[in-house]
C-alpha atoms as a PDB file:
ATOM      1  CA  MET A   1       0.000   0.000   0.000  1.00  0.00           C
ATOM      2  CA  ALA A   2       2.723   2.509   0.908  1.00  0.00           C
ATOM      3  CA  ALA A   3       4.603   1.648  -2.285  1.00  0.00           C
ATOM      4  CA  ASP A   4       1.454   2.334  -4.331  1.00  0.00           C
ATOM      5  CA  ILE A   5       1.019   5.727  -2.717  1.00  0.00           C
ATOM      6  CA  GLU A   6       4.675   6.543  -3.231  1.00  0.00           C
ATOM      7  CA  ARG A   7       4.463   5.524  -6.896  1.00  0.00           C
ATOM      8  CA  TRP A   8       1.308   7.633  -7.334  1.00  0.00           C
ATOM      9  CA  TRP A   9       3.023  10.632  -5.722  1.00  0.00           C
ATOM     10  CA  ASP A  10       6.082  10.251  -7.944  1.00  0.00           C
ATOM     11  CA  ASP A  11       3.833  10.059 -11.026  1.00  0.00           C
ATOM     12  CA  GLN A  12       1.979  13.211  -9.969  1.00  0.00           C
ATOM     13  CA  GLN A  13       5.237  15.096  -9.443  1.00  0.00           C
ATOM     14  CA  ALA A  14       6.563  13.983 -12.838  1.00  0.00           C
ATOM     15  CA  ARG A  15       3.364  15.146 -14.553  1.00  0.00           C
ATOM     16  CA  LYS A  16       3.508  18.489 -12.775  1.00  0.00           C
ATOM     17  CA  LYS A  17       7.144  18.939 -13.805  1.00  0.00           C
ATOM     18  CA  GLY A  18       6.238  18.152 -17.423  1.00  0.00           C
ATOM     19  CA  ARG A  19       3.451  20.730 -17.351  1.00  0.00           C
ATOM     20  CA  GLN A  20       5.748  23.326 -15.784  1.00  0.00           C
ATOM     21  CA  ASP A  21       8.337  22.713 -18.502  1.00  0.00           C
ATOM     22  CA  LYS A  22       5.671  23.199 -21.181  1.00  0.00           C
ATOM     23  CA  CYS A  23       4.416  26.339 -19.461  1.00  0.00           C
ATOM     24  CA  GLN A  24       7.883  27.902 -19.553  1.00  0.00           C
ATOM     25  CA  THR A  25       8.121  27.518 -23.340  1.00  0.00           C
ATOM     26  CA  LYS A  26       4.810  29.246 -24.088  1.00  0.00           C
ATOM     27  CA  ARG A  27       4.187  32.905 -24.742  1.00  0.00           C
ATOM     28  CA  VAL A  28       3.008  34.660 -21.591  1.00  0.00           C
ATOM     29  CA  PHE A  29       0.398  37.408 -21.412  1.00  0.00           C
ATOM     30  CA  THR A  30      -0.398  39.323 -18.250  1.00  0.00           C
ATOM     31  CA  SER A  31      -4.085  39.855 -19.033  1.00  0.00           C
ATOM     32  CA  GLU A  32      -6.897  38.187 -20.913  1.00  0.00           C
ATOM     33  CA  ALA A  33      -7.251  41.301 -23.087  1.00  0.00           C
ATOM     34  CA  GLU A  34      -3.592  41.104 -24.119  1.00  0.00           C
ATOM     35  CA  ALA A  35      -3.944  37.395 -24.893  1.00  0.00           C
ATOM     36  CA  ARG A  36      -7.094  38.004 -26.956  1.00  0.00           C
ATOM     37  CA  ALA A  37      -5.361  40.752 -28.944  1.00  0.00           C
ATOM     38  CA  HIS A  38      -2.481  38.420 -29.773  1.00  0.00           C
ATOM     39  CA  ALA A  39      -4.916  35.625 -30.644  1.00  0.00           C
ATOM     40  CA  ALA A  40      -6.686  37.947 -33.105  1.00  0.00           C
ATOM     41  CA  ALA A  41      -3.372  39.011 -34.653  1.00  0.00           C
ATOM     42  CA  ASP A  42      -2.254  35.380 -34.976  1.00  0.00           C
ATOM     43  CA  ARG A  43      -5.594  34.464 -36.558  1.00  0.00           C
ATOM     44  CA  ALA A  44      -5.197  37.270 -39.099  1.00  0.00           C
ATOM     45  CA  GLN A  45      -1.597  36.355 -39.879  1.00  0.00           C
ATOM     46  CA  PHE A  46      -1.682  32.538 -39.743  1.00  0.00           C
ATOM     47  CA  GLY A  47      -5.364  31.661 -40.023  1.00  0.00           C
ATOM     48  CA  ASP A  48      -5.210  29.632 -36.810  1.00  0.00           C
ATOM     49  CA  ARG A  49      -7.846  29.938 -34.133  1.00  0.00           C
ATOM     50  CA  PHE A  50      -6.280  30.501 -30.755  1.00  0.00           C
ATOM     51  CA  THR A  51      -8.129  30.663 -27.467  1.00  0.00           C
ATOM     52  CA  PRO A  52      -6.667  32.386 -24.420  1.00  0.00           C
ATOM     53  CA  TYR A  53      -6.686  30.561 -21.094  1.00  0.00           C
ATOM     54  CA  ARG A  54      -5.423  31.309 -17.589  1.00  0.00           C
ATOM     55  CA  CYS A  55      -2.677  28.885 -16.627  1.00  0.00           C
ATOM     56  CA  ASP A  56      -3.259  27.169 -13.300  1.00  0.00           C
ATOM     57  CA  LEU A  57       0.503  26.779 -12.846  1.00  0.00           C
ATOM     58  CA  CYS A  58       1.821  30.303 -13.396  1.00  0.00           C
ATOM     59  CA  GLY A  59      -1.383  32.371 -13.187  1.00  0.00           C
ATOM     60  CA  ASP A  60      -0.645  34.191 -16.446  1.00  0.00           C
ATOM     61  CA  TRP A  61      -2.411  33.791 -19.785  1.00  0.00           C
ATOM     62  CA  HIS A  62      -1.375  31.548 -22.696  1.00  0.00           C
ATOM     63  CA  LEU A  63      -2.946  30.657 -26.042  1.00  0.00           C
ATOM     64  CA  THR A  64      -4.145  27.240 -27.132  1.00  0.00           C
ATOM     65  CA  ARG A  65      -5.470  25.865 -30.408  1.00  0.00           C
ATOM     66  CA  SER A  66      -7.748  23.411 -28.630  1.00  0.00           C
ATOM     67  CA  ALA A  67     -11.140  24.408 -27.291  1.00  0.00           C
ATOM     68  CA  THR A  68     -11.151  24.939 -23.543  1.00  0.00           C
END
């Protein structure tokens, strides 16, 4: 039982680290308005649809192509 909990904890920490690493490589916006403005500019330039979202790791805003 203790080994299962320890394994679960290690898995959770590894996932969190992976998410933090991804977060650090993304563009960061300090407000939703700023993120939306960049999403509109990217849509005009590249034709991609980006959606802003508040990151639960860093608290700032990023853009995603997937629907949230």
